Amino acid sequence: MKERFFLFGAGYSALAFARRLEGRPVAGTTRTADRLAAIEAANAEPLLFDGATLSKAIRERLAETTHVVVSTAPSDSGDPVLAAADETIRTAMPALRWIGYLSTVGVYGDHGGAWVDEDSECRPVSARSRQRRSAEEAWQALAAEKGVPVAVLRLSGIYGPGRNALVNLADGTARRLVKPGQVFNRIHVDDIAGTLRHLSAKDLGGVFNVTDDEPAPPQDVVLFAARLMGLPAPPEIPFETAQLSPMARSFYEENKRVANRRIKATGYAFRHPDYRSGLTAMWRSGTWRGAGALGSG
């Protein structure tokens, strides 16, 4: 059967995937009408989804869908896609072969800078990470009942065209925050799209860390970007004195190094295995500005 894709939450990462589908039928949802044109520009059929009910058009597309990707964020009340589409997925999607759920490495919580992999204990700290972990489990349970594979992609910090340290430097918003011992993993949006295409093409399920090879201090990334651009690097700012939003500060409460051996073992080769590769490619190709951030759908 011909592959037909449906994207719940056609935002930055999901639309990068849509562009990789090479003419295959794909539909994607958004909550706001002003995002419809961006979805259409990515060669996907745009559909409105209010996060509560499925329209007739959505139900019709789902009835033919073979592959679903979910990138909508859960809330205190749970996953909005599951709340609206659970019964439809169970009973009205006879062609469904595969589900992809975009999660976060935040589900691991804090490991004091140690390495973690997919078998490591999940001990999420923030409410949003706890919600993601609950959503992972709910999608895994539904997929098991449906008898289809689900791939849970745990993503690290996403960057790409329009969202990167080069843009921040050009806009004058880049800062070099220094917290001794702190590291983060990152992932280029091209590799999110690439792993989604790789896993969906093989109908592979499981939990996969989709992250680069090199966890690094955030100030090092800004310094490297400044050198690429030939600009002076911003001064270092001690974390203790930095003015941060509660959400931004919460990211620094978790410190871990995330391994990606499992996705590599499936045969996937990262296009941008570290931040230097990703930033250099965008700078040399002139794509770093992109078309602006695409939003979350």
C-alpha atoms as a PDB file:
ATOM      1  CA  MET A   1       0.000   0.000   0.000  1.00  0.00           C
ATOM      2  CA  LYS A   2       1.207   3.501  -0.816  1.00  0.00           C
ATOM      3  CA  GLU A   3       2.542   5.417   2.163  1.00  0.00           C
ATOM      4  CA  ARG A   4       0.255   8.187   3.418  1.00  0.00           C
ATOM      5  CA  PHE A   5       1.419  10.393   6.269  1.00  0.00           C
ATOM      6  CA  PHE A   6      -0.420  12.445   8.859  1.00  0.00           C
ATOM      7  CA  LEU A   7       1.361  14.959  11.099  1.00  0.00           C
ATOM      8  CA  PHE A   8      -0.326  16.030  14.324  1.00  0.00           C
ATOM      9  CA  GLY A   9       1.362  19.345  15.065  1.00  0.00           C
ATOM     10  CA  ALA A  10       2.991  20.398  11.784  1.00  0.00           C
ATOM     11  CA  GLY A  11       5.604  22.711  13.269  1.00  0.00           C
ATOM     12  CA  TYR A  12       9.341  23.190  12.831  1.00  0.00           C
ATOM     13  CA  SER A  13      10.455  19.551  13.066  1.00  0.00           C
ATOM     14  CA  ALA A  14       7.422  17.915  11.474  1.00  0.00           C
ATOM     15  CA  LEU A  15       7.531  20.186   8.442  1.00  0.00           C
ATOM     16  CA  ALA A  16      11.220  19.423   7.936  1.00  0.00           C
ATOM     17  CA  PHE A  17      10.110  15.792   7.754  1.00  0.00           C
ATOM     18  CA  ALA A  18       7.286  16.631   5.332  1.00  0.00           C
ATOM     19  CA  ARG A  19       9.819  18.140   2.947  1.00  0.00           C
ATOM     20  CA  ARG A  20      11.694  14.817   2.932  1.00  0.00           C
ATOM     21  CA  LEU A  21       8.687  12.782   1.806  1.00  0.00           C
ATOM     22  CA  GLU A  22       9.308  13.326  -1.908  1.00  0.00           C
ATOM     23  CA  GLY A  23       5.763  13.713  -3.154  1.00  0.00           C
ATOM     24  CA  ARG A  24       4.131  11.153  -0.875  1.00  0.00           C
ATOM     25  CA  PRO A  25       0.691  12.230   0.371  1.00  0.00           C
ATOM     26  CA  VAL A  26       0.995  14.065   3.690  1.00  0.00           C
ATOM     27  CA  ALA A  27      -1.387  16.155   5.773  1.00  0.00           C
ATOM     28  CA  GLY A  28      -0.532  18.238   8.812  1.00  0.00           C
ATOM     29  CA  THR A  29      -2.463  20.027  11.508  1.00  0.00           C
ATOM     30  CA  THR A  30      -2.216  23.427  13.104  1.00  0.00           C
ATOM     31  CA  ARG A  31      -4.315  25.254  15.668  1.00  0.00           C
ATOM     32  CA  THR A  32      -4.202  28.624  13.890  1.00  0.00           C
ATOM     33  CA  ALA A  33      -5.251  29.668  10.395  1.00  0.00           C
ATOM     34  CA  ASP A  34      -2.181  31.873   9.915  1.00  0.00           C
ATOM     35  CA  ARG A  35      -0.026  28.709   9.837  1.00  0.00           C
ATOM     36  CA  LEU A  36      -1.896  27.041   6.997  1.00  0.00           C
ATOM     37  CA  ALA A  37       0.231  28.627   4.264  1.00  0.00           C
ATOM     38  CA  ALA A  38       3.482  27.433   5.881  1.00  0.00           C
ATOM     39  CA  ILE A  39       2.210  23.855   5.926  1.00  0.00           C
ATOM     40  CA  GLU A  40       1.128  24.069   2.297  1.00  0.00           C
ATOM     41  CA  ALA A  41       4.550  25.471   1.371  1.00  0.00           C
ATOM     42  CA  ALA A  42       6.076  22.276   2.780  1.00  0.00           C
ATOM     43  CA  ASN A  43       4.021  20.242   0.293  1.00  0.00           C
ATOM     44  CA  ALA A  44       1.554  19.094   2.941  1.00  0.00           C
ATOM     45  CA  GLU A  45      -2.203  19.468   3.097  1.00  0.00           C
ATOM     46  CA  PRO A  46      -3.014  21.917   5.920  1.00  0.00           C
ATOM     47  CA  LEU A  47      -5.806  21.065   8.358  1.00  0.00           C
ATOM     48  CA  LEU A  48      -7.067  22.876  11.438  1.00  0.00           C
ATOM     49  CA  PHE A  49      -7.131  20.927  14.700  1.00  0.00           C
ATOM     50  CA  ASP A  50      -8.330  22.737  17.813  1.00  0.00           C
ATOM     51  CA  GLY A  51      -6.774  20.200  20.155  1.00  0.00           C
ATOM     52  CA  ALA A  52     -10.147  18.830  21.215  1.00  0.00           C
ATOM     53  CA  THR A  53     -12.170  17.430  18.310  1.00  0.00           C
ATOM     54  CA  LEU A  54     -11.407  15.873  14.929  1.00  0.00           C
ATOM     55  CA  SER A  55     -12.983  17.527  11.910  1.00  0.00           C
ATOM     56  CA  LYS A  56     -14.574  15.530   9.116  1.00  0.00           C
ATOM     57  CA  ALA A  57     -11.577  16.278   6.896  1.00  0.00           C
ATOM     58  CA  ILE A  58      -9.140  14.978   9.516  1.00  0.00           C
ATOM     59  CA  ARG A  59     -11.149  11.790   9.991  1.00  0.00           C
ATOM     60  CA  GLU A  60     -11.199  11.208   6.233  1.00  0.00           C
ATOM     61  CA  ARG A  61      -7.419  11.596   5.964  1.00  0.00           C
ATOM     62  CA  LEU A  62      -6.781   9.379   8.985  1.00  0.00           C
ATOM     63  CA  ALA A  63      -8.884   6.604   7.465  1.00  0.00           C
ATOM     64  CA  GLU A  64      -6.291   6.345   4.669  1.00  0.00           C
ATOM     65  CA  THR A  65      -3.159   7.068   6.733  1.00  0.00           C
ATOM     66  CA  THR A  66      -0.361   4.527   7.010  1.00  0.00           C
ATOM     67  CA  HIS A  67       2.068   6.574   9.133  1.00  0.00           C
ATOM     68  CA  VAL A  68       1.288   9.058  11.938  1.00  0.00           C
ATOM     69  CA  VAL A  69       3.756  11.486  13.501  1.00  0.00           C
ATOM     70  CA  VAL A  70       2.770  13.232  16.727  1.00  0.00           C
ATOM     71  CA  SER A  71       4.663  16.329  17.849  1.00  0.00           C
ATOM     72  CA  THR A  72       1.998  18.142  19.852  1.00  0.00           C
ATOM     73  CA  ALA A  73       2.907  18.900  23.446  1.00  0.00           C
ATOM     74  CA  PRO A  74       0.910  17.309  26.270  1.00  0.00           C
ATOM     75  CA  SER A  75      -0.458  19.311  29.184  1.00  0.00           C
ATOM     76  CA  ASP A  76      -1.675  18.672  32.717  1.00  0.00           C
ATOM     77  CA  SER A  77      -4.781  17.105  31.209  1.00  0.00           C
ATOM     78  CA  GLY A  78      -2.781  14.707  29.025  1.00  0.00           C
ATOM     79  CA  ASP A  79      -2.026  14.357  25.343  1.00  0.00           C
ATOM     80  CA  PRO A  80      -4.558  16.293  23.212  1.00  0.00           C
ATOM     81  CA  VAL A  81      -4.167  13.965  20.236  1.00  0.00           C
ATOM     82  CA  LEU A  82      -4.878  10.895  22.320  1.00  0.00           C
ATOM     83  CA  ALA A  83      -7.861  12.619  23.926  1.00  0.00           C
ATOM     84  CA  ALA A  84      -9.352  13.481  20.536  1.00  0.00           C
ATOM     85  CA  ALA A  85      -8.232  10.587  18.337  1.00  0.00           C
ATOM     86  CA  ASP A  86      -7.890   7.526  20.582  1.00  0.00           C
ATOM     87  CA  GLU A  87     -11.045   5.828  19.354  1.00  0.00           C
ATOM     88  CA  THR A  88     -10.405   6.800  15.753  1.00  0.00           C
ATOM     89  CA  ILE A  89      -6.928   5.274  15.866  1.00  0.00           C
ATOM     90  CA  ARG A  90      -8.267   2.107  17.458  1.00  0.00           C
ATOM     91  CA  THR A  91     -11.215   1.510  15.148  1.00  0.00           C
ATOM     92  CA  ALA A  92     -11.129   3.729  12.046  1.00  0.00           C
ATOM     93  CA  MET A  93      -7.545   3.508  10.759  1.00  0.00           C
ATOM     94  CA  PRO A  94      -7.292   0.129   9.018  1.00  0.00           C
ATOM     95  CA  ALA A  95      -4.214   1.129   7.001  1.00  0.00           C
ATOM     96  CA  LEU A  96      -2.117   2.315   9.964  1.00  0.00           C
ATOM     97  CA  ARG A  97       1.366   0.739   9.981  1.00  0.00           C
ATOM     98  CA  TRP A  98       3.510   2.971  12.188  1.00  0.00           C
ATOM     99  CA  ILE A  99       3.369   5.739  14.788  1.00  0.00           C
ATOM    100  CA  GLY A 100       6.162   8.199  15.548  1.00  0.00           C
ATOM    101  CA  TYR A 101       6.044  10.198  18.774  1.00  0.00           C
ATOM    102  CA  LEU A 102       8.397  13.154  19.277  1.00  0.00           C
ATOM    103  CA  SER A 103       9.424  13.341  22.913  1.00  0.00           C
ATOM    104  CA  THR A 104      12.397  14.854  24.749  1.00  0.00           C
ATOM    105  CA  VAL A 105      15.573  13.771  26.497  1.00  0.00           C
ATOM    106  CA  GLY A 106      14.151  15.758  29.402  1.00  0.00           C
ATOM    107  CA  VAL A 107      12.378  12.576  30.498  1.00  0.00           C
ATOM    108  CA  TYR A 108      15.725  11.342  31.887  1.00  0.00           C
ATOM    109  CA  GLY A 109      15.928  14.254  34.318  1.00  0.00           C
ATOM    110  CA  ASP A 110      19.202  15.042  36.060  1.00  0.00           C
ATOM    111  CA  HIS A 111      22.047  12.500  36.070  1.00  0.00           C
ATOM    112  CA  GLY A 112      24.811  14.751  37.346  1.00  0.00           C
ATOM    113  CA  GLY A 113      26.558  14.930  33.979  1.00  0.00           C
ATOM    114  CA  ALA A 114      26.753  11.131  33.555  1.00  0.00           C
ATOM    115  CA  TRP A 115      25.982   9.332  30.306  1.00  0.00           C
ATOM    116  CA  VAL A 116      22.443   8.017  29.784  1.00  0.00           C
ATOM    117  CA  ASP A 117      20.931   5.787  27.126  1.00  0.00           C
ATOM    118  CA  GLU A 118      17.484   4.418  26.399  1.00  0.00           C
ATOM    119  CA  ASP A 119      17.780   1.897  29.227  1.00  0.00           C
ATOM    120  CA  SER A 120      18.616   4.536  31.844  1.00  0.00           C
ATOM    121  CA  GLU A 121      16.141   5.416  34.557  1.00  0.00           C
ATOM    122  CA  CYS A 122      13.684   8.162  33.670  1.00  0.00           C
ATOM    123  CA  ARG A 123      13.329  10.626  36.516  1.00  0.00           C
ATOM    124  CA  PRO A 124      11.958  13.816  34.926  1.00  0.00           C
ATOM    125  CA  VAL A 125      12.268  17.010  36.940  1.00  0.00           C
ATOM    126  CA  SER A 126      10.047  19.563  35.207  1.00  0.00           C
ATOM    127  CA  ALA A 127       6.290  19.261  34.800  1.00  0.00           C
ATOM    128  CA  ARG A 128       6.614  19.356  31.012  1.00  0.00           C
ATOM    129  CA  SER A 129       9.037  16.407  31.066  1.00  0.00           C
ATOM    130  CA  ARG A 130       6.773  14.422  33.380  1.00  0.00           C
ATOM    131  CA  GLN A 131       3.914  15.071  30.966  1.00  0.00           C
ATOM    132  CA  ARG A 132       6.042  13.869  28.063  1.00  0.00           C
ATOM    133  CA  ARG A 133       6.917  10.673  29.902  1.00  0.00           C
ATOM    134  CA  SER A 134       3.258   9.984  30.614  1.00  0.00           C
ATOM    135  CA  ALA A 135       2.425  10.631  26.961  1.00  0.00           C
ATOM    136  CA  GLU A 136       5.170   8.241  25.836  1.00  0.00           C
ATOM    137  CA  GLU A 137       3.657   5.488  27.950  1.00  0.00           C
ATOM    138  CA  ALA A 138       0.150   6.212  26.695  1.00  0.00           C
ATOM    139  CA  TRP A 139       1.214   6.037  23.044  1.00  0.00           C
ATOM    140  CA  GLN A 140       3.154   2.839  23.677  1.00  0.00           C
ATOM    141  CA  ALA A 141       0.079   1.271  25.286  1.00  0.00           C
ATOM    142  CA  LEU A 142      -2.200   2.299  22.418  1.00  0.00           C
ATOM    143  CA  ALA A 143       0.236   1.041  19.791  1.00  0.00           C
ATOM    144  CA  ALA A 144       0.527  -2.297  21.567  1.00  0.00           C
ATOM    145  CA  GLU A 145      -3.246  -2.684  21.625  1.00  0.00           C
ATOM    146  CA  LYS A 146      -3.476  -1.665  17.971  1.00  0.00           C
ATOM    147  CA  GLY A 147      -0.664  -4.034  17.049  1.00  0.00           C
ATOM    148  CA  VAL A 148       1.504  -1.458  15.276  1.00  0.00           C
ATOM    149  CA  PRO A 149       5.061  -0.311  16.072  1.00  0.00           C
ATOM    150  CA  VAL A 150       5.574   3.046  17.777  1.00  0.00           C
ATOM    151  CA  ALA A 151       8.900   4.863  17.626  1.00  0.00           C
ATOM    152  CA  VAL A 152       9.467   7.240  20.529  1.00  0.00           C
ATOM    153  CA  LEU A 153      12.084   9.775  19.483  1.00  0.00           C
ATOM    154  CA  ARG A 154      13.668  11.502  22.477  1.00  0.00           C
ATOM    155  CA  LEU A 155      15.018  14.744  21.063  1.00  0.00           C
ATOM    156  CA  SER A 156      17.723  16.948  22.530  1.00  0.00           C
ATOM    157  CA  GLY A 157      17.931  20.726  21.986  1.00  0.00           C
ATOM    158  CA  ILE A 158      16.700  21.436  18.460  1.00  0.00           C
ATOM    159  CA  TYR A 159      18.516  23.830  16.140  1.00  0.00           C
ATOM    160  CA  GLY A 160      18.514  24.479  12.408  1.00  0.00           C
ATOM    161  CA  PRO A 161      17.742  27.228   9.888  1.00  0.00           C
ATOM    162  CA  GLY A 162      16.239  30.178  11.720  1.00  0.00           C
ATOM    163  CA  ARG A 163      16.953  28.685  15.154  1.00  0.00           C
ATOM    164  CA  ASN A 164      20.641  28.680  16.040  1.00  0.00           C
ATOM    165  CA  ALA A 165      23.512  30.544  17.669  1.00  0.00           C
ATOM    166  CA  LEU A 166      24.365  32.317  14.404  1.00  0.00           C
ATOM    167  CA  VAL A 167      20.940  33.951  14.338  1.00  0.00           C
ATOM    168  CA  ASN A 168      21.228  34.888  18.007  1.00  0.00           C
ATOM    169  CA  LEU A 169      24.588  36.546  17.425  1.00  0.00           C
ATOM    170  CA  ALA A 170      23.308  38.459  14.416  1.00  0.00           C
ATOM    171  CA  ASP A 171      20.290  39.614  16.391  1.00  0.00           C
ATOM    172  CA  GLY A 172      22.367  40.590  19.414  1.00  0.00           C
ATOM    173  CA  THR A 173      20.593  38.126  21.729  1.00  0.00           C
ATOM    174  CA  ALA A 174      23.358  35.538  22.174  1.00  0.00           C
ATOM    175  CA  ARG A 175      24.733  35.085  25.691  1.00  0.00           C
ATOM    176  CA  ARG A 176      27.558  32.930  27.021  1.00  0.00           C
ATOM    177  CA  LEU A 177      26.163  31.593  30.281  1.00  0.00           C
ATOM    178  CA  VAL A 178      28.695  29.600  32.258  1.00  0.00           C
ATOM    179  CA  LYS A 179      27.728  26.988  34.802  1.00  0.00           C
ATOM    180  CA  PRO A 180      30.777  24.818  35.590  1.00  0.00           C
ATOM    181  CA  GLY A 181      30.309  21.213  34.482  1.00  0.00           C
ATOM    182  CA  GLN A 182      27.056  21.907  32.614  1.00  0.00           C
ATOM    183  CA  VAL A 183      26.615  20.278  29.201  1.00  0.00           C
ATOM    184  CA  PHE A 184      23.752  19.841  26.762  1.00  0.00           C
ATOM    185  CA  ASN A 185      23.205  17.662  23.717  1.00  0.00           C
ATOM    186  CA  ARG A 186      21.756  19.110  20.540  1.00  0.00           C
ATOM    187  CA  ILE A 187      20.152  17.876  17.331  1.00  0.00           C
ATOM    188  CA  HIS A 188      19.906  19.510  13.922  1.00  0.00           C
ATOM    189  CA  VAL A 189      16.387  19.539  12.497  1.00  0.00           C
ATOM    190  CA  ASP A 190      17.703  17.775   9.372  1.00  0.00           C
ATOM    191  CA  ASP A 191      18.555  14.768  11.527  1.00  0.00           C
ATOM    192  CA  ILE A 192      15.123  14.760  13.148  1.00  0.00           C
ATOM    193  CA  ALA A 193      13.640  14.612   9.667  1.00  0.00           C
ATOM    194  CA  GLY A 194      16.209  12.013   8.655  1.00  0.00           C
ATOM    195  CA  THR A 195      15.560   9.683  11.567  1.00  0.00           C
ATOM    196  CA  LEU A 196      11.803   9.970  11.093  1.00  0.00           C
ATOM    197  CA  ARG A 197      12.174   9.023   7.439  1.00  0.00           C
ATOM    198  CA  HIS A 198      14.588   6.198   8.280  1.00  0.00           C
ATOM    199  CA  LEU A 199      12.359   4.669  10.956  1.00  0.00           C
ATOM    200  CA  SER A 200       9.072   5.156   9.090  1.00  0.00           C
ATOM    201  CA  ALA A 201      10.473   3.621   5.907  1.00  0.00           C
ATOM    202  CA  LYS A 202      11.331   0.475   7.868  1.00  0.00           C
ATOM    203  CA  ASP A 203       8.283   0.604  10.186  1.00  0.00           C
ATOM    204  CA  LEU A 204      10.680   0.367  13.126  1.00  0.00           C
ATOM    205  CA  GLY A 205       9.435   0.804  16.680  1.00  0.00           C
ATOM    206  CA  GLY A 206      11.216   1.365  19.985  1.00  0.00           C
ATOM    207  CA  VAL A 207      12.698   4.185  22.028  1.00  0.00           C
ATOM    208  CA  PHE A 208      15.492   6.140  20.356  1.00  0.00           C
ATOM    209  CA  ASN A 209      17.636   9.022  21.540  1.00  0.00           C
ATOM    210  CA  VAL A 210      17.842  11.387  18.584  1.00  0.00           C
ATOM    211  CA  THR A 211      20.786  13.508  19.596  1.00  0.00           C
ATOM    212  CA  ASP A 212      24.248  14.463  18.436  1.00  0.00           C
ATOM    213  CA  ASP A 213      27.523  12.798  19.375  1.00  0.00           C
ATOM    214  CA  GLU A 214      28.941  15.597  21.471  1.00  0.00           C
ATOM    215  CA  PRO A 215      27.340  17.008  24.618  1.00  0.00           C
ATOM    216  CA  ALA A 216      29.010  20.371  25.151  1.00  0.00           C
ATOM    217  CA  PRO A 217      28.872  23.476  27.356  1.00  0.00           C
ATOM    218  CA  PRO A 218      26.464  26.031  25.850  1.00  0.00           C
ATOM    219  CA  GLN A 219      29.058  28.825  25.946  1.00  0.00           C
ATOM    220  CA  ASP A 220      31.302  26.791  23.633  1.00  0.00           C
ATOM    221  CA  VAL A 221      28.601  26.742  20.959  1.00  0.00           C
ATOM    222  CA  VAL A 222      28.264  30.533  21.032  1.00  0.00           C
ATOM    223  CA  LEU A 223      32.036  30.941  20.860  1.00  0.00           C
ATOM    224  CA  PHE A 224      32.288  28.652  17.835  1.00  0.00           C
ATOM    225  CA  ALA A 225      29.456  30.496  16.058  1.00  0.00           C
ATOM    226  CA  ALA A 226      31.118  33.854  16.710  1.00  0.00           C
ATOM    227  CA  ARG A 227      34.375  32.611  15.208  1.00  0.00           C
ATOM    228  CA  LEU A 228      32.519  31.365  12.121  1.00  0.00           C
ATOM    229  CA  MET A 229      30.972  34.782  11.638  1.00  0.00           C
ATOM    230  CA  GLY A 230      34.154  36.700  12.437  1.00  0.00           C
ATOM    231  CA  LEU A 231      32.464  38.451  15.333  1.00  0.00           C
ATOM    232  CA  PRO A 232      33.641  39.066  18.880  1.00  0.00           C
ATOM    233  CA  ALA A 233      32.161  36.560  21.294  1.00  0.00           C
ATOM    234  CA  PRO A 234      29.847  37.905  23.976  1.00  0.00           C
ATOM    235  CA  PRO A 235      31.402  38.052  27.450  1.00  0.00           C
ATOM    236  CA  GLU A 236      30.929  35.104  29.774  1.00  0.00           C
ATOM    237  CA  ILE A 237      28.120  35.492  32.323  1.00  0.00           C
ATOM    238  CA  PRO A 238      28.168  33.426  35.516  1.00  0.00           C
ATOM    239  CA  PHE A 239      25.005  31.369  35.760  1.00  0.00           C
ATOM    240  CA  GLU A 240      24.387  32.527  39.331  1.00  0.00           C
ATOM    241  CA  THR A 241      24.022  36.172  38.266  1.00  0.00           C
ATOM    242  CA  ALA A 242      22.239  35.622  34.938  1.00  0.00           C
ATOM    243  CA  GLN A 243      18.739  37.002  34.481  1.00  0.00           C
ATOM    244  CA  LEU A 244      16.742  34.019  33.202  1.00  0.00           C
ATOM    245  CA  SER A 245      13.111  33.122  32.911  1.00  0.00           C
ATOM    246  CA  PRO A 246      11.935  30.296  35.180  1.00  0.00           C
ATOM    247  CA  MET A 247      11.716  27.976  32.151  1.00  0.00           C
ATOM    248  CA  ALA A 248      15.218  28.831  30.921  1.00  0.00           C
ATOM    249  CA  ARG A 249      16.639  28.353  34.409  1.00  0.00           C
ATOM    250  CA  SER A 250      14.907  24.983  34.708  1.00  0.00           C
ATOM    251  CA  PHE A 251      16.929  23.583  31.798  1.00  0.00           C
ATOM    252  CA  TYR A 252      20.088  24.063  33.859  1.00  0.00           C
ATOM    253  CA  GLU A 253      18.656  21.941  36.668  1.00  0.00           C
ATOM    254  CA  GLU A 254      19.310  18.870  34.506  1.00  0.00           C
ATOM    255  CA  ASN A 255      22.800  17.771  33.483  1.00  0.00           C
ATOM    256  CA  LYS A 256      23.477  14.627  31.472  1.00  0.00           C
ATOM    257  CA  ARG A 257      25.274  13.271  28.441  1.00  0.00           C
ATOM    258  CA  VAL A 258      22.894  11.454  26.092  1.00  0.00           C
ATOM    259  CA  ALA A 259      24.110   8.518  23.997  1.00  0.00           C
ATOM    260  CA  ASN A 260      22.727   7.751  20.526  1.00  0.00           C
ATOM    261  CA  ARG A 261      24.069   4.248  19.861  1.00  0.00           C
ATOM    262  CA  ARG A 262      20.635   2.660  19.415  1.00  0.00           C
ATOM    263  CA  ILE A 263      19.509   4.784  16.460  1.00  0.00           C
ATOM    264  CA  LYS A 264      22.922   4.300  14.830  1.00  0.00           C
ATOM    265  CA  ALA A 265      22.547   0.541  15.253  1.00  0.00           C
ATOM    266  CA  THR A 266      19.497   0.654  12.955  1.00  0.00           C
ATOM    267  CA  GLY A 267      21.734   1.961  10.166  1.00  0.00           C
ATOM    268  CA  TYR A 268      21.084   5.682  10.490  1.00  0.00           C
ATOM    269  CA  ALA A 269      24.072   7.973   9.875  1.00  0.00           C
ATOM    270  CA  PHE A 270      23.820  11.492  11.264  1.00  0.00           C
ATOM    271  CA  ARG A 271      24.153  14.301   8.756  1.00  0.00           C
ATOM    272  CA  HIS A 272      25.351  16.655  11.508  1.00  0.00           C
ATOM    273  CA  PRO A 273      26.999  14.598  14.278  1.00  0.00           C
ATOM    274  CA  ASP A 274      28.015  17.662  16.316  1.00  0.00           C
ATOM    275  CA  TYR A 275      27.216  21.365  16.606  1.00  0.00           C
ATOM    276  CA  ARG A 276      30.325  22.389  14.657  1.00  0.00           C
ATOM    277  CA  SER A 277      29.192  20.376  11.652  1.00  0.00           C
ATOM    278  CA  GLY A 278      25.666  21.764  11.774  1.00  0.00           C
ATOM    279  CA  LEU A 279      26.625  25.407  12.260  1.00  0.00           C
ATOM    280  CA  THR A 280      29.382  25.264   9.646  1.00  0.00           C
ATOM    281  CA  ALA A 281      27.078  23.727   7.030  1.00  0.00           C
ATOM    282  CA  MET A 282      24.416  26.397   7.574  1.00  0.00           C
ATOM    283  CA  TRP A 283      26.934  29.238   7.548  1.00  0.00           C
ATOM    284  CA  ARG A 284      28.666  28.089   4.356  1.00  0.00           C
ATOM    285  CA  SER A 285      25.402  27.418   2.535  1.00  0.00           C
ATOM    286  CA  GLY A 286      23.768  30.651   3.679  1.00  0.00           C
ATOM    287  CA  THR A 287      20.789  28.777   5.104  1.00  0.00           C
ATOM    288  CA  TRP A 288      21.336  29.777   8.735  1.00  0.00           C
ATOM    289  CA  ARG A 289      18.697  32.507   8.636  1.00  0.00           C
ATOM    290  CA  GLY A 290      16.152  30.125   7.115  1.00  0.00           C
ATOM    291  CA  ALA A 291      12.621  31.357   6.735  1.00  0.00           C
ATOM    292  CA  GLY A 292      12.299  32.103  10.457  1.00  0.00           C
ATOM    293  CA  ALA A 293      11.075  29.854  13.222  1.00  0.00           C
ATOM    294  CA  LEU A 294       8.088  27.836  12.077  1.00  0.00           C
ATOM    295  CA  GLY A 295       6.420  27.379  15.426  1.00  0.00           C
ATOM    296  CA  SER A 296       5.174  24.243  17.104  1.00  0.00           C
ATOM    297  CA  GLY A 297       1.912  23.771  15.244  1.00  0.00           C
END
